[in-house]
Amino acid sequence: MRIILRIIASAAALGVAAWVVPGITVTGGSNAAKAGTLLAVAVIVGIINAVLKPIIKKVGCAFYVLTLGLVALVINGLLLWLASWVAGKLSLPFPRQRLPRRRGGRAHRRRGQQGAEPAAA
């Protein structure tokens, strides 16, 4: 019973993520098909987390401490990407699109270089 509740909670979290994050979509004909896809992907995410998460936590413990836990966001994103890849291999309609990049840093560097004078030879 406990595992069923975890799968349902994971499916609900994936549904919220698909609703909130613009790069994650759930495609399907009906709402029942979408719910089935979310449940199947929740099982995939659960298996991936059960296998890889303890290994990643032990290997990356220093990174967790060094970044005060912010590396967990990157790791969870990578695990979600892996789940999307596995779902694609199983022909489940759970595509993960590329998330938009931030371009502010590049523009800032360009603006700083525009006013720079060339060095005298």
PDB file of N, CA and C in Angstrom:
ATOM      1  N   MET A   1       0.829  -1.202   0.000  1.00  0.00           N
ATOM      2  CA  MET A   1       0.000   0.000   0.000  1.00  0.00           C
ATOM      3  C   MET A   1       0.867   1.257   0.000  1.00  0.00           C
ATOM      4  N   ARG A   2       1.983   1.187   0.744  1.00  0.00           N
ATOM      5  CA  ARG A   2       2.849   2.350   0.848  1.00  0.00           C
ATOM      6  C   ARG A   2       3.487   2.691  -0.498  1.00  0.00           C
ATOM      7  N   ILE A   3       3.895   1.676  -1.254  1.00  0.00           N
ATOM      8  CA  ILE A   3       4.523   1.924  -2.559  1.00  0.00           C
ATOM      9  C   ILE A   3       3.523   2.504  -3.547  1.00  0.00           C
ATOM     10  N   ILE A   4       2.278   2.096  -3.460  1.00  0.00           N
ATOM     11  CA  ILE A   4       1.247   2.639  -4.351  1.00  0.00           C
ATOM     12  C   ILE A   4       1.040   4.123  -4.069  1.00  0.00           C
ATOM     13  N   LEU A   5       1.039   4.491  -2.795  1.00  0.00           N
ATOM     14  CA  LEU A   5       0.905   5.903  -2.437  1.00  0.00           C
ATOM     15  C   LEU A   5       2.102   6.713  -2.932  1.00  0.00           C
ATOM     16  N   ARG A   6       3.300   6.134  -2.867  1.00  0.00           N
ATOM     17  CA  ARG A   6       4.484   6.835  -3.369  1.00  0.00           C
ATOM     18  C   ARG A   6       4.412   7.034  -4.878  1.00  0.00           C
ATOM     19  N   ILE A   7       3.945   6.020  -5.604  1.00  0.00           N
ATOM     20  CA  ILE A   7       3.824   6.133  -7.056  1.00  0.00           C
ATOM     21  C   ILE A   7       2.799   7.203  -7.418  1.00  0.00           C
ATOM     22  N   ILE A   8       1.677   7.225  -6.706  1.00  0.00           N
ATOM     23  CA  ILE A   8       0.646   8.232  -6.969  1.00  0.00           C
ATOM     24  C   ILE A   8       1.163   9.633  -6.646  1.00  0.00           C
ATOM     25  N   ALA A   9       1.919   9.760  -5.545  1.00  0.00           N
ATOM     26  CA  ALA A   9       2.490  11.064  -5.190  1.00  0.00           C
ATOM     27  C   ALA A   9       3.512  11.511  -6.233  1.00  0.00           C
ATOM     28  N   SER A  10       4.318  10.577  -6.717  1.00  0.00           N
ATOM     29  CA  SER A  10       5.294  10.922  -7.763  1.00  0.00           C
ATOM     30  C   SER A  10       4.594  11.315  -9.059  1.00  0.00           C
ATOM     31  N   ALA A  11       3.524  10.614  -9.398  1.00  0.00           N
ATOM     32  CA  ALA A  11       2.767  10.957 -10.600  1.00  0.00           C
ATOM     33  C   ALA A  11       2.149  12.348 -10.466  1.00  0.00           C
ATOM     34  N   ALA A  12       1.642  12.660  -9.282  1.00  0.00           N
ATOM     35  CA  ALA A  12       1.078  13.995  -9.062  1.00  0.00           C
ATOM     36  C   ALA A  12       2.168  15.068  -9.162  1.00  0.00           C
ATOM     37  N   ALA A  13       3.356  14.786  -8.611  1.00  0.00           N
ATOM     38  CA  ALA A  13       4.457  15.741  -8.695  1.00  0.00           C
ATOM     39  C   ALA A  13       4.899  15.935 -10.143  1.00  0.00           C
ATOM     40  N   LEU A  14       4.938  14.862 -10.916  1.00  0.00           N
ATOM     41  CA  LEU A  14       5.283  14.985 -12.332  1.00  0.00           C
ATOM     42  C   LEU A  14       4.220  15.779 -13.086  1.00  0.00           C
ATOM     43  N   GLY A  15       2.957  15.581 -12.721  1.00  0.00           N
ATOM     44  CA  GLY A  15       1.884  16.351 -13.342  1.00  0.00           C
ATOM     45  C   GLY A  15       2.003  17.830 -13.046  1.00  0.00           C
ATOM     46  N   VAL A  16       2.332  18.166 -11.820  1.00  0.00           N
ATOM     47  CA  VAL A  16       2.528  19.575 -11.452  1.00  0.00           C
ATOM     48  C   VAL A  16       3.740  20.134 -12.189  1.00  0.00           C
ATOM     49  N   ALA A  17       4.813  19.345 -12.275  1.00  0.00           N
ATOM     50  CA  ALA A  17       6.009  19.800 -13.003  1.00  0.00           C
ATOM     51  C   ALA A  17       5.689  20.030 -14.479  1.00  0.00           C
ATOM     52  N   ALA A  18       4.897  19.154 -15.070  1.00  0.00           N
ATOM     53  CA  ALA A  18       4.515  19.329 -16.476  1.00  0.00           C
ATOM     54  C   ALA A  18       3.629  20.555 -16.655  1.00  0.00           C
ATOM     55  N   TRP A  19       2.857  20.879 -15.643  1.00  0.00           N
ATOM     56  CA  TRP A  19       1.965  22.034 -15.708  1.00  0.00           C
ATOM     57  C   TRP A  19       2.740  23.341 -15.506  1.00  0.00           C
ATOM     58  N   VAL A  20       3.760  23.320 -14.638  1.00  0.00           N
ATOM     59  CA  VAL A  20       4.471  24.542 -14.263  1.00  0.00           C
ATOM     60  C   VAL A  20       5.689  24.795 -15.153  1.00  0.00           C
ATOM     61  N   VAL A  21       6.501  23.776 -15.409  1.00  0.00           N
ATOM     62  CA  VAL A  21       7.753  23.944 -16.144  1.00  0.00           C
ATOM     63  C   VAL A  21       7.467  23.888 -17.644  1.00  0.00           C
ATOM     64  N   PRO A  22       7.876  24.895 -18.402  1.00  0.00           N
ATOM     65  CA  PRO A  22       7.530  24.921 -19.820  1.00  0.00           C
ATOM     66  C   PRO A  22       8.224  23.855 -20.667  1.00  0.00           C
ATOM     67  N   GLY A  23       9.326  23.257 -20.222  1.00  0.00           N
ATOM     68  CA  GLY A  23      10.037  22.272 -21.020  1.00  0.00           C
ATOM     69  C   GLY A  23       9.534  20.851 -20.860  1.00  0.00           C
ATOM     70  N   ILE A  24       8.598  20.592 -19.945  1.00  0.00           N
ATOM     71  CA  ILE A  24       8.100  19.245 -19.693  1.00  0.00           C
ATOM     72  C   ILE A  24       6.644  19.189 -20.137  1.00  0.00           C
ATOM     73  N   THR A  25       6.320  18.225 -20.987  1.00  0.00           N
ATOM     74  CA  THR A  25       4.949  18.079 -21.461  1.00  0.00           C
ATOM     75  C   THR A  25       4.515  16.633 -21.343  1.00  0.00           C
ATOM     76  N   VAL A  26       3.230  16.449 -21.167  1.00  0.00           N
ATOM     77  CA  VAL A  26       2.624  15.121 -21.180  1.00  0.00           C
ATOM     78  C   VAL A  26       1.634  15.115 -22.332  1.00  0.00           C
ATOM     79  N   THR A  27       1.894  14.283 -23.311  1.00  0.00           N
ATOM     80  CA  THR A  27       1.005  14.205 -24.458  1.00  0.00           C
ATOM     81  C   THR A  27       0.189  12.931 -24.370  1.00  0.00           C
ATOM     82  N   GLY A  28      -0.951  12.954 -24.962  1.00  0.00           N
ATOM     83  CA  GLY A  28      -1.829  11.790 -24.948  1.00  0.00           C
ATOM     84  C   GLY A  28      -3.205  12.217 -25.409  1.00  0.00           C
ATOM     85  N   GLY A  29      -4.014  11.251 -25.749  1.00  0.00           N
ATOM     86  CA  GLY A  29      -5.335  11.558 -26.266  1.00  0.00           C
ATOM     87  C   GLY A  29      -6.284  12.070 -25.205  1.00  0.00           C
ATOM     88  N   SER A  30      -6.480  11.305 -24.169  1.00  0.00           N
ATOM     89  CA  SER A  30      -7.464  11.670 -23.150  1.00  0.00           C
ATOM     90  C   SER A  30      -6.760  11.910 -21.823  1.00  0.00           C
ATOM     91  N   ASN A  31      -7.535  12.353 -20.862  1.00  0.00           N
ATOM     92  CA  ASN A  31      -6.983  12.551 -19.522  1.00  0.00           C
ATOM     93  C   ASN A  31      -6.569  11.236 -18.885  1.00  0.00           C
ATOM     94  N   ALA A  32      -7.298  10.166 -19.185  1.00  0.00           N
ATOM     95  CA  ALA A  32      -6.940   8.853 -18.655  1.00  0.00           C
ATOM     96  C   ALA A  32      -5.610   8.383 -19.230  1.00  0.00           C
ATOM     97  N   ALA A  33      -5.368   8.666 -20.510  1.00  0.00           N
ATOM     98  CA  ALA A  33      -4.092   8.295 -21.129  1.00  0.00           C
ATOM     99  C   ALA A  33      -2.949   9.099 -20.524  1.00  0.00           C
ATOM    100  N   LYS A  34      -3.200  10.373 -20.263  1.00  0.00           N
ATOM    101  CA  LYS A  34      -2.177  11.200 -19.625  1.00  0.00           C
ATOM    102  C   LYS A  34      -1.877  10.713 -18.212  1.00  0.00           C
ATOM    103  N   ALA A  35      -2.920  10.331 -17.480  1.00  0.00           N
ATOM    104  CA  ALA A  35      -2.721   9.810 -16.125  1.00  0.00           C
ATOM    105  C   ALA A  35      -1.941   8.501 -16.160  1.00  0.00           C
ATOM    106  N   GLY A  36      -2.240   7.658 -17.124  1.00  0.00           N
ATOM    107  CA  GLY A  36      -1.489   6.407 -17.270  1.00  0.00           C
ATOM    108  C   GLY A  36      -0.027   6.666 -17.589  1.00  0.00           C
ATOM    109  N   THR A  37       0.225   7.647 -18.440  1.00  0.00           N
ATOM    110  CA  THR A  37       1.607   8.020 -18.763  1.00  0.00           C
ATOM    111  C   THR A  37       2.324   8.530 -17.524  1.00  0.00           C
ATOM    112  N   LEU A  38       1.651   9.380 -16.752  1.00  0.00           N
ATOM    113  CA  LEU A  38       2.264   9.907 -15.531  1.00  0.00           C
ATOM    114  C   LEU A  38       2.560   8.798 -14.531  1.00  0.00           C
ATOM    115  N   LEU A  39       1.659   7.826 -14.410  1.00  0.00           N
ATOM    116  CA  LEU A  39       1.904   6.704 -13.495  1.00  0.00           C
ATOM    117  C   LEU A  39       3.077   5.855 -13.967  1.00  0.00           C
ATOM    118  N   ALA A  40       3.161   5.604 -15.281  1.00  0.00           N
ATOM    119  CA  ALA A  40       4.264   4.806 -15.813  1.00  0.00           C
ATOM    120  C   ALA A  40       5.597   5.526 -15.624  1.00  0.00           C
ATOM    121  N   VAL A  41       5.616   6.828 -15.888  1.00  0.00           N
ATOM    122  CA  VAL A  41       6.853   7.590 -15.709  1.00  0.00           C
ATOM    123  C   VAL A  41       7.198   7.683 -14.218  1.00  0.00           C
ATOM    124  N   ALA A  42       6.212   7.735 -13.350  1.00  0.00           N
ATOM    125  CA  ALA A  42       6.472   7.743 -11.905  1.00  0.00           C
ATOM    126  C   ALA A  42       7.147   6.444 -11.475  1.00  0.00           C
ATOM    127  N   VAL A  43       6.748   5.334 -12.057  1.00  0.00           N
ATOM    128  CA  VAL A  43       7.401   4.058 -11.749  1.00  0.00           C
ATOM    129  C   VAL A  43       8.853   4.090 -12.242  1.00  0.00           C
ATOM    130  N   ILE A  44       9.063   4.644 -13.442  1.00  0.00           N
ATOM    131  CA  ILE A  44      10.423   4.751 -13.985  1.00  0.00           C
ATOM    132  C   ILE A  44      11.288   5.629 -13.083  1.00  0.00           C
ATOM    133  N   VAL A  45      10.754   6.771 -12.672  1.00  0.00           N
ATOM    134  CA  VAL A  45      11.492   7.683 -11.793  1.00  0.00           C
ATOM    135  C   VAL A  45      11.798   6.995 -10.468  1.00  0.00           C
ATOM    136  N   GLY A  46      10.855   6.233  -9.944  1.00  0.00           N
ATOM    137  CA  GLY A  46      11.083   5.515  -8.694  1.00  0.00           C
ATOM    138  C   GLY A  46      12.188   4.485  -8.812  1.00  0.00           C
ATOM    139  N   ILE A  47      12.215   3.759  -9.917  1.00  0.00           N
ATOM    140  CA  ILE A  47      13.268   2.760 -10.120  1.00  0.00           C
ATOM    141  C   ILE A  47      14.629   3.437 -10.276  1.00  0.00           C
ATOM    142  N   ILE A  48      14.665   4.518 -11.058  1.00  0.00           N
ATOM    143  CA  ILE A  48      15.933   5.240 -11.245  1.00  0.00           C
ATOM    144  C   ILE A  48      16.420   5.812  -9.919  1.00  0.00           C
ATOM    145  N   ASN A  49      15.520   6.405  -9.151  1.00  0.00           N
ATOM    146  CA  ASN A  49      15.912   6.957  -7.846  1.00  0.00           C
ATOM    147  C   ASN A  49      16.376   5.872  -6.893  1.00  0.00           C
ATOM    148  N   ALA A  50      15.717   4.722  -6.908  1.00  0.00           N
ATOM    149  CA  ALA A  50      16.101   3.641  -6.005  1.00  0.00           C
ATOM    150  C   ALA A  50      17.481   3.092  -6.342  1.00  0.00           C
ATOM    151  N   VAL A  51      17.825   3.082  -7.623  1.00  0.00           N
ATOM    152  CA  VAL A  51      19.108   2.512  -8.036  1.00  0.00           C
ATOM    153  C   VAL A  51      20.235   3.543  -7.981  1.00  0.00           C
ATOM    154  N   LEU A  52      20.014   4.709  -8.553  1.00  0.00           N
ATOM    155  CA  LEU A  52      21.110   5.666  -8.729  1.00  0.00           C
ATOM    156  C   LEU A  52      21.277   6.688  -7.605  1.00  0.00           C
ATOM    157  N   LYS A  53      20.209   7.075  -6.963  1.00  0.00           N
ATOM    158  CA  LYS A  53      20.279   8.154  -5.975  1.00  0.00           C
ATOM    159  C   LYS A  53      21.241   7.846  -4.817  1.00  0.00           C
ATOM    160  N   PRO A  54      21.210   6.637  -4.226  1.00  0.00           N
ATOM    161  CA  PRO A  54      22.172   6.373  -3.140  1.00  0.00           C
ATOM    162  C   PRO A  54      23.628   6.423  -3.614  1.00  0.00           C
ATOM    163  N   ILE A  55      23.876   5.948  -4.821  1.00  0.00           N
ATOM    164  CA  ILE A  55      25.235   5.985  -5.358  1.00  0.00           C
ATOM    165  C   ILE A  55      25.673   7.422  -5.577  1.00  0.00           C
ATOM    166  N   ILE A  56      24.793   8.225  -6.145  1.00  0.00           N
ATOM    167  CA  ILE A  56      25.123   9.621  -6.421  1.00  0.00           C
ATOM    168  C   ILE A  56      25.332  10.390  -5.122  1.00  0.00           C
ATOM    169  N   LYS A  57      24.537  10.107  -4.111  1.00  0.00           N
ATOM    170  CA  LYS A  57      24.687  10.808  -2.830  1.00  0.00           C
ATOM    171  C   LYS A  57      26.018  10.474  -2.171  1.00  0.00           C
ATOM    172  N   LYS A  58      26.440   9.216  -2.251  1.00  0.00           N
ATOM    173  CA  LYS A  58      27.715   8.841  -1.629  1.00  0.00           C
ATOM    174  C   LYS A  58      28.898   9.406  -2.401  1.00  0.00           C
ATOM    175  N   VAL A  59      28.831   9.355  -3.714  1.00  0.00           N
ATOM    176  CA  VAL A  59      29.932   9.861  -4.525  1.00  0.00           C
ATOM    177  C   VAL A  59      29.978  11.387  -4.485  1.00  0.00           C
ATOM    178  N   GLY A  60      28.834  12.027  -4.527  1.00  0.00           N
ATOM    179  CA  GLY A  60      28.789  13.486  -4.596  1.00  0.00           C
ATOM    180  C   GLY A  60      28.573  14.181  -3.277  1.00  0.00           C
ATOM    181  N   CYS A  61      28.860  13.516  -2.178  1.00  0.00           N
ATOM    182  CA  CYS A  61      28.627  14.101  -0.854  1.00  0.00           C
ATOM    183  C   CYS A  61      29.385  15.425  -0.689  1.00  0.00           C
ATOM    184  N   ALA A  62      30.605  15.473  -1.168  1.00  0.00           N
ATOM    185  CA  ALA A  62      31.397  16.704  -1.048  1.00  0.00           C
ATOM    186  C   ALA A  62      30.745  17.851  -1.810  1.00  0.00           C
ATOM    187  N   PHE A  63      30.164  17.558  -2.971  1.00  0.00           N
ATOM    188  CA  PHE A  63      29.499  18.609  -3.748  1.00  0.00           C
ATOM    189  C   PHE A  63      28.251  19.117  -3.042  1.00  0.00           C
ATOM    190  N   TYR A  64      27.531  18.204  -2.352  1.00  0.00           N
ATOM    191  CA  TYR A  64      26.365  18.630  -1.583  1.00  0.00           C
ATOM    192  C   TYR A  64      26.793  19.604  -0.488  1.00  0.00           C
ATOM    193  N   VAL A  65      27.868  19.286   0.205  1.00  0.00           N
ATOM    194  CA  VAL A  65      28.337  20.139   1.288  1.00  0.00           C
ATOM    195  C   VAL A  65      28.893  21.439   0.732  1.00  0.00           C
ATOM    196  N   LEU A  66      29.681  21.349  -0.331  1.00  0.00           N
ATOM    197  CA  LEU A  66      30.331  22.518  -0.908  1.00  0.00           C
ATOM    198  C   LEU A  66      29.330  23.532  -1.443  1.00  0.00           C
ATOM    199  N   THR A  67      28.244  23.047  -2.056  1.00  0.00           N
ATOM    200  CA  THR A  67      27.255  23.955  -2.655  1.00  0.00           C
ATOM    201  C   THR A  67      26.037  24.150  -1.765  1.00  0.00           C
ATOM    202  N   LEU A  68      26.112  23.681  -0.543  1.00  0.00           N
ATOM    203  CA  LEU A  68      24.999  23.784   0.408  1.00  0.00           C
ATOM    204  C   LEU A  68      23.719  23.147  -0.139  1.00  0.00           C
ATOM    205  N   GLY A  69      23.874  22.080  -0.869  1.00  0.00           N
ATOM    206  CA  GLY A  69      22.736  21.327  -1.368  1.00  0.00           C
ATOM    207  C   GLY A  69      22.213  21.762  -2.718  1.00  0.00           C
ATOM    208  N   LEU A  70      22.767  22.806  -3.312  1.00  0.00           N
ATOM    209  CA  LEU A  70      22.270  23.279  -4.601  1.00  0.00           C
ATOM    210  C   LEU A  70      22.561  22.299  -5.731  1.00  0.00           C
ATOM    211  N   VAL A  71      23.570  21.459  -5.569  1.00  0.00           N
ATOM    212  CA  VAL A  71      23.868  20.464  -6.594  1.00  0.00           C
ATOM    213  C   VAL A  71      22.723  19.451  -6.703  1.00  0.00           C
ATOM    214  N   ALA A  72      21.887  19.365  -5.690  1.00  0.00           N
ATOM    215  CA  ALA A  72      20.732  18.463  -5.740  1.00  0.00           C
ATOM    216  C   ALA A  72      19.772  18.856  -6.860  1.00  0.00           C
ATOM    217  N   LEU A  73      19.657  20.140  -7.141  1.00  0.00           N
ATOM    218  CA  LEU A  73      18.803  20.584  -8.255  1.00  0.00           C
ATOM    219  C   LEU A  73      19.331  20.059  -9.588  1.00  0.00           C
ATOM    220  N   VAL A  74      20.637  20.109  -9.764  1.00  0.00           N
ATOM    221  CA  VAL A  74      21.243  19.614 -10.998  1.00  0.00           C
ATOM    222  C   VAL A  74      21.068  18.104 -11.104  1.00  0.00           C
ATOM    223  N   ILE A  75      21.307  17.409 -10.012  1.00  0.00           N
ATOM    224  CA  ILE A  75      21.187  15.949 -10.013  1.00  0.00           C
ATOM    225  C   ILE A  75      19.750  15.521 -10.272  1.00  0.00           C
ATOM    226  N   ASN A  76      18.797  16.184  -9.646  1.00  0.00           N
ATOM    227  CA  ASN A  76      17.390  15.845  -9.887  1.00  0.00           C
ATOM    228  C   ASN A  76      16.989  16.143 -11.324  1.00  0.00           C
ATOM    229  N   GLY A  77      17.506  17.211 -11.890  1.00  0.00           N
ATOM    230  CA  GLY A  77      17.246  17.506 -13.301  1.00  0.00           C
ATOM    231  C   GLY A  77      17.804  16.430 -14.215  1.00  0.00           C
ATOM    232  N   LEU A  78      19.017  15.959 -13.906  1.00  0.00           N
ATOM    233  CA  LEU A  78      19.616  14.891 -14.702  1.00  0.00           C
ATOM    234  C   LEU A  78      18.845  13.581 -14.554  1.00  0.00           C
ATOM    235  N   LEU A  79      18.371  13.297 -13.344  1.00  0.00           N
ATOM    236  CA  LEU A  79      17.576  12.082 -13.145  1.00  0.00           C
ATOM    237  C   LEU A  79      16.246  12.175 -13.886  1.00  0.00           C
ATOM    238  N   LEU A  80      15.651  13.354 -13.930  1.00  0.00           N
ATOM    239  CA  LEU A  80      14.417  13.539 -14.688  1.00  0.00           C
ATOM    240  C   LEU A  80      14.673  13.399 -16.188  1.00  0.00           C
ATOM    241  N   TRP A  81      15.824  13.906 -16.643  1.00  0.00           N
ATOM    242  CA  TRP A  81      16.195  13.742 -18.048  1.00  0.00           C
ATOM    243  C   TRP A  81      16.373  12.263 -18.383  1.00  0.00           C
ATOM    244  N   LEU A  82      17.019  11.515 -17.487  1.00  0.00           N
ATOM    245  CA  LEU A  82      17.205  10.079 -17.703  1.00  0.00           C
ATOM    246  C   LEU A  82      15.869   9.352 -17.733  1.00  0.00           C
ATOM    247  N   ALA A  83      14.954   9.735 -16.862  1.00  0.00           N
ATOM    248  CA  ALA A  83      13.616   9.124 -16.865  1.00  0.00           C
ATOM    249  C   ALA A  83      12.884   9.433 -18.164  1.00  0.00           C
ATOM    250  N   SER A  84      13.047  10.640 -18.677  1.00  0.00           N
ATOM    251  CA  SER A  84      12.419  11.003 -19.948  1.00  0.00           C
ATOM    252  C   SER A  84      13.013  10.189 -21.092  1.00  0.00           C
ATOM    253  N   TRP A  85      14.320   9.959 -21.047  1.00  0.00           N
ATOM    254  CA  TRP A  85      14.972   9.165 -22.081  1.00  0.00           C
ATOM    255  C   TRP A  85      14.480   7.719 -22.049  1.00  0.00           C
ATOM    256  N   VAL A  86      14.366   7.147 -20.840  1.00  0.00           N
ATOM    257  CA  VAL A  86      13.857   5.779 -20.703  1.00  0.00           C
ATOM    258  C   VAL A  86      12.406   5.711 -21.171  1.00  0.00           C
ATOM    259  N   ALA A  87      11.607   6.712 -20.823  1.00  0.00           N
ATOM    260  CA  ALA A  87      10.211   6.743 -21.268  1.00  0.00           C
ATOM    261  C   ALA A  87      10.132   6.812 -22.784  1.00  0.00           C
ATOM    262  N   GLY A  88      11.037   7.550 -23.405  1.00  0.00           N
ATOM    263  CA  GLY A  88      11.071   7.617 -24.867  1.00  0.00           C
ATOM    264  C   GLY A  88      11.419   6.272 -25.477  1.00  0.00           C
ATOM    265  N   LYS A  89      12.346   5.544 -24.854  1.00  0.00           N
ATOM    266  CA  LYS A  89      12.710   4.215 -25.348  1.00  0.00           C
ATOM    267  C   LYS A  89      11.556   3.224 -25.195  1.00  0.00           C
ATOM    268  N   LEU A  90      10.690   3.453 -24.207  1.00  0.00           N
ATOM    269  CA  LEU A  90       9.523   2.589 -23.993  1.00  0.00           C
ATOM    270  C   LEU A  90       8.295   3.098 -24.743  1.00  0.00           C
ATOM    271  N   SER A  91       8.474   4.091 -25.578  1.00  0.00           N
ATOM    272  CA  SER A  91       7.407   4.702 -26.387  1.00  0.00           C
ATOM    273  C   SER A  91       6.292   5.319 -25.549  1.00  0.00           C
ATOM    274  N   LEU A  92       6.649   5.862 -24.401  1.00  0.00           N
ATOM    275  CA  LEU A  92       5.678   6.591 -23.574  1.00  0.00           C
ATOM    276  C   LEU A  92       5.684   8.054 -24.006  1.00  0.00           C
ATOM    277  N   PRO A  93       4.525   8.680 -24.120  1.00  0.00           N
ATOM    278  CA  PRO A  93       4.469  10.080 -24.567  1.00  0.00           C
ATOM    279  C   PRO A  93       4.819  11.061 -23.450  1.00  0.00           C
ATOM    280  N   PHE A  94       6.067  11.068 -23.046  1.00  0.00           N
ATOM    281  CA  PHE A  94       6.538  11.991 -22.008  1.00  0.00           C
ATOM    282  C   PHE A  94       7.794  12.692 -22.521  1.00  0.00           C
ATOM    283  N   PRO A  95       7.642  13.571 -23.519  1.00  0.00           N
ATOM    284  CA  PRO A  95       8.833  14.226 -24.069  1.00  0.00           C
ATOM    285  C   PRO A  95       9.336  15.329 -23.157  1.00  0.00           C
ATOM    286  N   ARG A  96      10.623  15.443 -23.080  1.00  0.00           N
ATOM    287  CA  ARG A  96      11.256  16.520 -22.345  1.00  0.00           C
ATOM    288  C   ARG A  96      11.947  17.390 -23.367  1.00  0.00           C
ATOM    289  N   GLN A  97      11.505  18.614 -23.474  1.00  0.00           N
ATOM    290  CA  GLN A  97      12.115  19.540 -24.412  1.00  0.00           C
ATOM    291  C   GLN A  97      13.293  20.209 -23.740  1.00  0.00           C
ATOM    292  N   ARG A  98      14.115  20.822 -24.546  1.00  0.00           N
ATOM    293  CA  ARG A  98      15.249  21.541 -24.003  1.00  0.00           C
ATOM    294  C   ARG A  98      14.754  22.786 -23.280  1.00  0.00           C
ATOM    295  N   LEU A  99      15.259  23.009 -22.092  1.00  0.00           N
ATOM    296  CA  LEU A  99      14.857  24.184 -21.331  1.00  0.00           C
ATOM    297  C   LEU A  99      15.534  25.419 -21.906  1.00  0.00           C
ATOM    298  N   PRO A 100      14.881  26.572 -21.821  1.00  0.00           N
ATOM    299  CA  PRO A 100      15.480  27.787 -22.390  1.00  0.00           C
ATOM    300  C   PRO A 100      16.757  28.177 -21.650  1.00  0.00           C
ATOM    301  N   ARG A 101      17.719  28.675 -22.398  1.00  0.00           N
ATOM    302  CA  ARG A 101      18.984  29.096 -21.807  1.00  0.00           C
ATOM    303  C   ARG A 101      18.902  30.549 -21.372  1.00  0.00           C
ATOM    304  N   ARG A 102      19.693  30.868 -20.385  1.00  0.00           N
ATOM    305  CA  ARG A 102      19.820  32.271 -19.979  1.00  0.00           C
ATOM    306  C   ARG A 102      20.906  32.893 -20.819  1.00  0.00           C
ATOM    307  N   ARG A 103      20.626  34.043 -21.373  1.00  0.00           N
ATOM    308  CA  ARG A 103      21.609  34.686 -22.240  1.00  0.00           C
ATOM    309  C   ARG A 103      22.101  36.011 -21.668  1.00  0.00           C
ATOM    310  N   GLY A 104      21.726  36.332 -20.464  1.00  0.00           N
ATOM    311  CA  GLY A 104      22.116  37.614 -19.882  1.00  0.00           C
ATOM    312  C   GLY A 104      23.608  37.748 -19.678  1.00  0.00           C
ATOM    313  N   GLY A 105      24.279  36.667 -19.338  1.00  0.00           N
ATOM    314  CA  GLY A 105      25.710  36.723 -19.092  1.00  0.00           C
ATOM    315  C   GLY A 105      26.488  37.064 -20.341  1.00  0.00           C
ATOM    316  N   ARG A 106      26.118  36.474 -21.457  1.00  0.00           N
ATOM    317  CA  ARG A 106      26.808  36.742 -22.718  1.00  0.00           C
ATOM    318  C   ARG A 106      26.609  38.195 -23.143  1.00  0.00           C
ATOM    319  N   ALA A 107      25.406  38.694 -23.035  1.00  0.00           N
ATOM    320  CA  ALA A 107      25.117  40.073 -23.430  1.00  0.00           C
ATOM    321  C   ALA A 107      25.883  41.041 -22.533  1.00  0.00           C
ATOM    322  N   HIS A 108      25.995  40.702 -21.275  1.00  0.00           N
ATOM    323  CA  HIS A 108      26.712  41.564 -20.342  1.00  0.00           C
ATOM    324  C   HIS A 108      28.192  41.638 -20.719  1.00  0.00           C
ATOM    325  N   ARG A 109      28.779  40.514 -21.076  1.00  0.00           N
ATOM    326  CA  ARG A 109      30.182  40.509 -21.470  1.00  0.00           C
ATOM    327  C   ARG A 109      30.390  41.298 -22.753  1.00  0.00           C
ATOM    328  N   ARG A 110      29.467  41.173 -23.698  1.00  0.00           N
ATOM    329  CA  ARG A 110      29.594  41.909 -24.952  1.00  0.00           C
ATOM    330  C   ARG A 110      29.527  43.413 -24.713  1.00  0.00           C
ATOM    331  N   ARG A 111      28.617  43.823 -23.856  1.00  0.00           N
ATOM    332  CA  ARG A 111      28.492  45.250 -23.570  1.00  0.00           C
ATOM    333  C   ARG A 111      29.763  45.782 -22.934  1.00  0.00           C
ATOM    334  N   GLY A 112      30.373  45.003 -22.089  1.00  0.00           N
ATOM    335  CA  GLY A 112      31.616  45.433 -21.450  1.00  0.00           C
ATOM    336  C   GLY A 112      32.759  45.534 -22.437  1.00  0.00           C
ATOM    337  N   GLN A 113      32.750  44.703 -23.476  1.00  0.00           N
ATOM    338  CA  GLN A 113      33.829  44.716 -24.449  1.00  0.00           C
ATOM    339  C   GLN A 113      33.645  45.821 -25.486  1.00  0.00           C
ATOM    340  N   GLN A 114      32.442  46.302 -25.688  1.00  0.00           N
ATOM    341  CA  GLN A 114      32.207  47.308 -26.706  1.00  0.00           C
ATOM    342  C   GLN A 114      32.915  48.611 -26.380  1.00  0.00           C
ATOM    343  N   GLY A 115      32.949  49.007 -25.137  1.00  0.00           N
ATOM    344  CA  GLY A 115      33.554  50.274 -24.759  1.00  0.00           C
ATOM    345  C   GLY A 115      35.051  50.177 -24.502  1.00  0.00           C
ATOM    346  N   ALA A 116      35.612  48.988 -24.598  1.00  0.00           N
ATOM    347  CA  ALA A 116      37.031  48.815 -24.288  1.00  0.00           C
ATOM    348  C   ALA A 116      37.895  49.358 -25.425  1.00  0.00           C
ATOM    349  N   GLU A 117      38.918  50.045 -25.065  1.00  0.00           N
ATOM    350  CA  GLU A 117      39.858  50.576 -26.044  1.00  0.00           C
ATOM    351  C   GLU A 117      40.878  49.510 -26.378  1.00  0.00           C
ATOM    352  N   PRO A 118      41.314  49.420 -27.643  1.00  0.00           N
ATOM    353  CA  PRO A 118      42.341  48.458 -27.984  1.00  0.00           C
ATOM    354  C   PRO A 118      43.674  48.843 -27.339  1.00  0.00           C
ATOM    355  N   ALA A 119      44.432  47.860 -26.983  1.00  0.00           N
ATOM    356  CA  ALA A 119      45.716  48.108 -26.333  1.00  0.00           C
ATOM    357  C   ALA A 119      46.706  48.688 -27.344  1.00  0.00           C
ATOM    358  N   ALA A 120      47.507  49.643 -26.894  1.00  0.00           N
ATOM    359  CA  ALA A 120      48.518  50.261 -27.769  1.00  0.00           C
ATOM    360  C   ALA A 120      49.672  49.281 -27.964  1.00  0.00           C
ATOM    361  N   ALA A 121      50.166  49.215 -29.193  1.00  0.00           N
ATOM    362  CA  ALA A 121      51.240  48.255 -29.496  1.00  0.00           C
ATOM    363  C   ALA A 121      52.591  48.816 -29.209  1.00  0.00           C
TER     364      ALA A 121
END
